[in-house]
Amino acid sequence: MRVFLAGVSCVDVSDIRKDMAYFGRSYKKADVVVEVAGLSPQDVAVKVNEILSSRH
């Protein structure tokens, strides 16, 4: 299946796939996963702090 992204070159898509593969390996090793989509940087910091604090 081919996916076309408006305004994104084939080189960019290749780079995105490489990044997904690289970070996918790190993601599998993570002890904690924090969903931050749509959050402000301040809200991300608060959420990460809350989750890490609850683990100790």
PDB file of N, CA and C in Angstrom:
ATOM      1  N   MET A   1       0.848  -1.178   0.000  1.00  0.00           N
ATOM      2  CA  MET A   1       0.000   0.000   0.000  1.00  0.00           C
ATOM      3  C   MET A   1       0.887   1.232   0.000  1.00  0.00           C
ATOM      4  N   ARG A   2       0.528   2.214  -0.800  1.00  0.00           N
ATOM      5  CA  ARG A   2       1.263   3.466  -0.853  1.00  0.00           C
ATOM      6  C   ARG A   2       0.439   4.557  -0.197  1.00  0.00           C
ATOM      7  N   VAL A   3       1.105   5.370   0.577  1.00  0.00           N
ATOM      8  CA  VAL A   3       0.450   6.489   1.231  1.00  0.00           C
ATOM      9  C   VAL A   3       1.051   7.767   0.672  1.00  0.00           C
ATOM     10  N   PHE A   4       0.223   8.682   0.276  1.00  0.00           N
ATOM     11  CA  PHE A   4       0.691   9.949  -0.251  1.00  0.00           C
ATOM     12  C   PHE A   4       0.310  11.058   0.710  1.00  0.00           C
ATOM     13  N   LEU A   5       1.283  11.852   1.071  1.00  0.00           N
ATOM     14  CA  LEU A   5       1.059  12.965   1.973  1.00  0.00           C
ATOM     15  C   LEU A   5       1.244  14.254   1.193  1.00  0.00           C
ATOM     16  N   ALA A   6       0.248  15.083   1.192  1.00  0.00           N
ATOM     17  CA  ALA A   6       0.317  16.338   0.450  1.00  0.00           C
ATOM     18  C   ALA A   6       1.477  17.186   0.950  1.00  0.00           C
ATOM     19  N   GLY A   7       2.316  17.617   0.034  1.00  0.00           N
ATOM     20  CA  GLY A   7       3.429  18.504   0.382  1.00  0.00           C
ATOM     21  C   GLY A   7       4.631  17.807   0.981  1.00  0.00           C
ATOM     22  N   VAL A   8       4.639  16.483   1.017  1.00  0.00           N
ATOM     23  CA  VAL A   8       5.756  15.747   1.598  1.00  0.00           C
ATOM     24  C   VAL A   8       6.438  14.968   0.483  1.00  0.00           C
ATOM     25  N   SER A   9       7.744  15.182   0.329  1.00  0.00           N
ATOM     26  CA  SER A   9       8.470  14.500  -0.734  1.00  0.00           C
ATOM     27  C   SER A   9       8.747  13.049  -0.361  1.00  0.00           C
ATOM     28  N   CYS A  10       9.137  12.257  -1.345  1.00  0.00           N
ATOM     29  CA  CYS A  10       9.479  10.851  -1.097  1.00  0.00           C
ATOM     30  C   CYS A  10      10.649  10.735  -0.131  1.00  0.00           C
ATOM     31  N   VAL A  11      11.578  11.676  -0.227  1.00  0.00           N
ATOM     32  CA  VAL A  11      12.728  11.660   0.690  1.00  0.00           C
ATOM     33  C   VAL A  11      12.242  11.864   2.117  1.00  0.00           C
ATOM     34  N   ASP A  12      11.325  12.783   2.314  1.00  0.00           N
ATOM     35  CA  ASP A  12      10.789  13.038   3.651  1.00  0.00           C
ATOM     36  C   ASP A  12      10.081  11.800   4.196  1.00  0.00           C
ATOM     37  N   VAL A  13       9.316  11.119   3.365  1.00  0.00           N
ATOM     38  CA  VAL A  13       8.616   9.909   3.794  1.00  0.00           C
ATOM     39  C   VAL A  13       9.625   8.842   4.186  1.00  0.00           C
ATOM     40  N   SER A  14      10.694   8.727   3.433  1.00  0.00           N
ATOM     41  CA  SER A  14      11.747   7.769   3.763  1.00  0.00           C
ATOM     42  C   SER A  14      12.362   8.093   5.124  1.00  0.00           C
ATOM     43  N   ASP A  15      12.618   9.358   5.365  1.00  0.00           N
ATOM     44  CA  ASP A  15      13.165   9.778   6.663  1.00  0.00           C
ATOM     45  C   ASP A  15      12.190   9.491   7.789  1.00  0.00           C
ATOM     46  N   ILE A  16      10.908   9.711   7.536  1.00  0.00           N
ATOM     47  CA  ILE A  16       9.885   9.427   8.555  1.00  0.00           C
ATOM     48  C   ILE A  16       9.882   7.944   8.887  1.00  0.00           C
ATOM     49  N   ARG A  17       9.958   7.097   7.881  1.00  0.00           N
ATOM     50  CA  ARG A  17       9.981   5.647   8.117  1.00  0.00           C
ATOM     51  C   ARG A  17      11.214   5.236   8.910  1.00  0.00           C
ATOM     52  N   LYS A  18      12.362   5.822   8.598  1.00  0.00           N
ATOM     53  CA  LYS A  18      13.586   5.514   9.350  1.00  0.00           C
ATOM     54  C   LYS A  18      13.434   5.928  10.810  1.00  0.00           C
ATOM     55  N   ASP A  19      12.873   7.116  11.039  1.00  0.00           N
ATOM     56  CA  ASP A  19      12.659   7.581  12.410  1.00  0.00           C
ATOM     57  C   ASP A  19      11.704   6.656  13.157  1.00  0.00           C
ATOM     58  N   MET A  20      10.635   6.225  12.492  1.00  0.00           N
ATOM     59  CA  MET A  20       9.674   5.324  13.132  1.00  0.00           C
ATOM     60  C   MET A  20      10.341   4.006  13.516  1.00  0.00           C
ATOM     61  N   ALA A  21      11.198   3.487  12.658  1.00  0.00           N
ATOM     62  CA  ALA A  21      11.891   2.235  12.962  1.00  0.00           C
ATOM     63  C   ALA A  21      12.846   2.427  14.140  1.00  0.00           C
ATOM     64  N   TYR A  22      13.588   3.518  14.120  1.00  0.00           N
ATOM     65  CA  TYR A  22      14.558   3.788  15.190  1.00  0.00           C
ATOM     66  C   TYR A  22      13.848   3.974  16.531  1.00  0.00           C
ATOM     67  N   PHE A  23      12.863   4.851  16.562  1.00  0.00           N
ATOM     68  CA  PHE A  23      12.188   5.131  17.829  1.00  0.00           C
ATOM     69  C   PHE A  23      11.282   3.989  18.256  1.00  0.00           C
ATOM     70  N   GLY A  24      10.846   3.163  17.328  1.00  0.00           N
ATOM     71  CA  GLY A  24      10.054   1.987  17.664  1.00  0.00           C
ATOM     72  C   GLY A  24      10.823   1.033  18.556  1.00  0.00           C
ATOM     73  N   ARG A  25      12.116   0.896  18.285  1.00  0.00           N
ATOM     74  CA  ARG A  25      12.961   0.034  19.128  1.00  0.00           C
ATOM     75  C   ARG A  25      13.069   0.603  20.536  1.00  0.00           C
ATOM     76  N   SER A  26      13.237   1.908  20.645  1.00  0.00           N
ATOM     77  CA  SER A  26      13.314   2.545  21.960  1.00  0.00           C
ATOM     78  C   SER A  26      11.994   2.423  22.703  1.00  0.00           C
ATOM     79  N   TYR A  27      10.903   2.601  21.980  1.00  0.00           N
ATOM     80  CA  TYR A  27       9.567   2.529  22.567  1.00  0.00           C
ATOM     81  C   TYR A  27       9.339   1.170  23.216  1.00  0.00           C
ATOM     82  N   LYS A  28       9.810   0.105  22.577  1.00  0.00           N
ATOM     83  CA  LYS A  28       9.631  -1.247  23.116  1.00  0.00           C
ATOM     84  C   LYS A  28      10.397  -1.445  24.419  1.00  0.00           C
ATOM     85  N   LYS A  29      11.468  -0.680  24.624  1.00  0.00           N
ATOM     86  CA  LYS A  29      12.291  -0.816  25.824  1.00  0.00           C
ATOM     87  C   LYS A  29      11.810   0.064  26.979  1.00  0.00           C
ATOM     88  N   ALA A  30      10.893   0.956  26.715  1.00  0.00           N
ATOM     89  CA  ALA A  30      10.465   1.940  27.715  1.00  0.00           C
ATOM     90  C   ALA A  30       9.742   1.288  28.882  1.00  0.00           C
ATOM     91  N   ASP A  31      10.011   1.787  30.069  1.00  0.00           N
ATOM     92  CA  ASP A  31       9.301   1.356  31.270  1.00  0.00           C
ATOM     93  C   ASP A  31       7.983   2.112  31.414  1.00  0.00           C
ATOM     94  N   VAL A  32       7.943   3.319  30.849  1.00  0.00           N
ATOM     95  CA  VAL A  32       6.778   4.189  30.983  1.00  0.00           C
ATOM     96  C   VAL A  32       6.470   4.789  29.613  1.00  0.00           C
ATOM     97  N   VAL A  33       5.186   4.853  29.288  1.00  0.00           N
ATOM     98  CA  VAL A  33       4.744   5.510  28.063  1.00  0.00           C
ATOM     99  C   VAL A  33       3.753   6.589  28.464  1.00  0.00           C
ATOM    100  N   VAL A  34       3.958   7.800  27.968  1.00  0.00           N
ATOM    101  CA  VAL A  34       3.096   8.923  28.307  1.00  0.00           C
ATOM    102  C   VAL A  34       2.505   9.478  27.017  1.00  0.00           C
ATOM    103  N   GLU A  35       1.194   9.499  26.924  1.00  0.00           N
ATOM    104  CA  GLU A  35       0.513  10.061  25.760  1.00  0.00           C
ATOM    105  C   GLU A  35       0.483  11.583  25.912  1.00  0.00           C
ATOM    106  N   VAL A  36       1.106  12.303  24.983  1.00  0.00           N
ATOM    107  CA  VAL A  36       1.224  13.752  25.098  1.00  0.00           C
ATOM    108  C   VAL A  36       0.603  14.493  23.920  1.00  0.00           C
ATOM    109  N   ALA A  37      -0.048  13.770  23.030  1.00  0.00           N
ATOM    110  CA  ALA A  37      -0.645  14.412  21.852  1.00  0.00           C
ATOM    111  C   ALA A  37      -1.634  15.491  22.281  1.00  0.00           C
ATOM    112  N   GLY A  38      -1.474  16.673  21.712  1.00  0.00           N
ATOM    113  CA  GLY A  38      -2.398  17.766  21.976  1.00  0.00           C
ATOM    114  C   GLY A  38      -2.143  18.538  23.252  1.00  0.00           C
ATOM    115  N   LEU A  39      -1.135  18.143  24.013  1.00  0.00           N
ATOM    116  CA  LEU A  39      -0.843  18.844  25.261  1.00  0.00           C
ATOM    117  C   LEU A  39       0.184  19.944  25.040  1.00  0.00           C
ATOM    118  N   SER A  40       0.101  20.976  25.843  1.00  0.00           N
ATOM    119  CA  SER A  40       1.104  22.041  25.809  1.00  0.00           C
ATOM    120  C   SER A  40       2.375  21.522  26.480  1.00  0.00           C
ATOM    121  N   PRO A  41       3.518  22.175  26.237  1.00  0.00           N
ATOM    122  CA  PRO A  41       4.748  21.742  26.909  1.00  0.00           C
ATOM    123  C   PRO A  41       4.610  21.717  28.434  1.00  0.00           C
ATOM    124  N   GLN A  42       3.914  22.701  28.983  1.00  0.00           N
ATOM    125  CA  GLN A  42       3.705  22.740  30.434  1.00  0.00           C
ATOM    126  C   GLN A  42       2.880  21.546  30.893  1.00  0.00           C
ATOM    127  N   ASP A  43       1.818  21.225  30.155  1.00  0.00           N
ATOM    128  CA  ASP A  43       0.972  20.085  30.512  1.00  0.00           C
ATOM    129  C   ASP A  43       1.728  18.765  30.378  1.00  0.00           C
ATOM    130  N   VAL A  44       2.609  18.678  29.384  1.00  0.00           N
ATOM    131  CA  VAL A  44       3.432  17.475  29.226  1.00  0.00           C
ATOM    132  C   VAL A  44       4.326  17.299  30.446  1.00  0.00           C
ATOM    133  N   ALA A  45       4.962  18.378  30.872  1.00  0.00           N
ATOM    134  CA  ALA A  45       5.848  18.307  32.037  1.00  0.00           C
ATOM    135  C   ALA A  45       5.091  17.853  33.273  1.00  0.00           C
ATOM    136  N   VAL A  46       3.910  18.397  33.481  1.00  0.00           N
ATOM    137  CA  VAL A  46       3.090  18.027  34.644  1.00  0.00           C
ATOM    138  C   VAL A  46       2.710  16.550  34.570  1.00  0.00           C
ATOM    139  N   LYS A  47       2.256  16.117  33.406  1.00  0.00           N
ATOM    140  CA  LYS A  47       1.810  14.729  33.247  1.00  0.00           C
ATOM    141  C   LYS A  47       2.960  13.747  33.457  1.00  0.00           C
ATOM    142  N   VAL A  48       4.120  14.036  32.861  1.00  0.00           N
ATOM    143  CA  VAL A  48       5.281  13.163  33.032  1.00  0.00           C
ATOM    144  C   VAL A  48       5.688  13.120  34.504  1.00  0.00           C
ATOM    145  N   ASN A  49       5.712  14.259  35.155  1.00  0.00           N
ATOM    146  CA  ASN A  49       6.076  14.327  36.572  1.00  0.00           C
ATOM    147  C   ASN A  49       5.114  13.502  37.414  1.00  0.00           C
ATOM    148  N   GLU A  50       3.823  13.618  37.153  1.00  0.00           N
ATOM    149  CA  GLU A  50       2.815  12.847  37.907  1.00  0.00           C
ATOM    150  C   GLU A  50       3.025  11.344  37.746  1.00  0.00           C
ATOM    151  N   ILE A  51       3.249  10.917  36.511  1.00  0.00           N
ATOM    152  CA  ILE A  51       3.411   9.483  36.251  1.00  0.00           C
ATOM    153  C   ILE A  51       4.691   8.956  36.895  1.00  0.00           C
ATOM    154  N   LEU A  52       5.781   9.700  36.756  1.00  0.00           N
ATOM    155  CA  LEU A  52       7.037   9.245  37.357  1.00  0.00           C
ATOM    156  C   LEU A  52       6.972   9.270  38.876  1.00  0.00           C
ATOM    157  N   SER A  53       6.310  10.251  39.449  1.00  0.00           N
ATOM    158  CA  SER A  53       6.175  10.332  40.911  1.00  0.00           C
ATOM    159  C   SER A  53       5.348   9.174  41.458  1.00  0.00           C
ATOM    160  N   SER A  54       4.354   8.747  40.706  1.00  0.00           N
ATOM    161  CA  SER A  54       3.492   7.662  41.171  1.00  0.00           C
ATOM    162  C   SER A  54       4.196   6.301  41.125  1.00  0.00           C
ATOM    163  N   ARG A  55       5.297   6.216  40.416  1.00  0.00           N
ATOM    164  CA  ARG A  55       6.026   4.952  40.296  1.00  0.00           C
ATOM    165  C   ARG A  55       6.991   4.714  41.459  1.00  0.00           C
ATOM    166  N   HIS A  56       7.203   5.689  42.305  1.00  0.00           N
ATOM    167  CA  HIS A  56       8.167   5.532  43.412  1.00  0.00           C
ATOM    168  C   HIS A  56       7.471   5.489  44.734  1.00  0.00           C
TER     169      HIS A  56
END
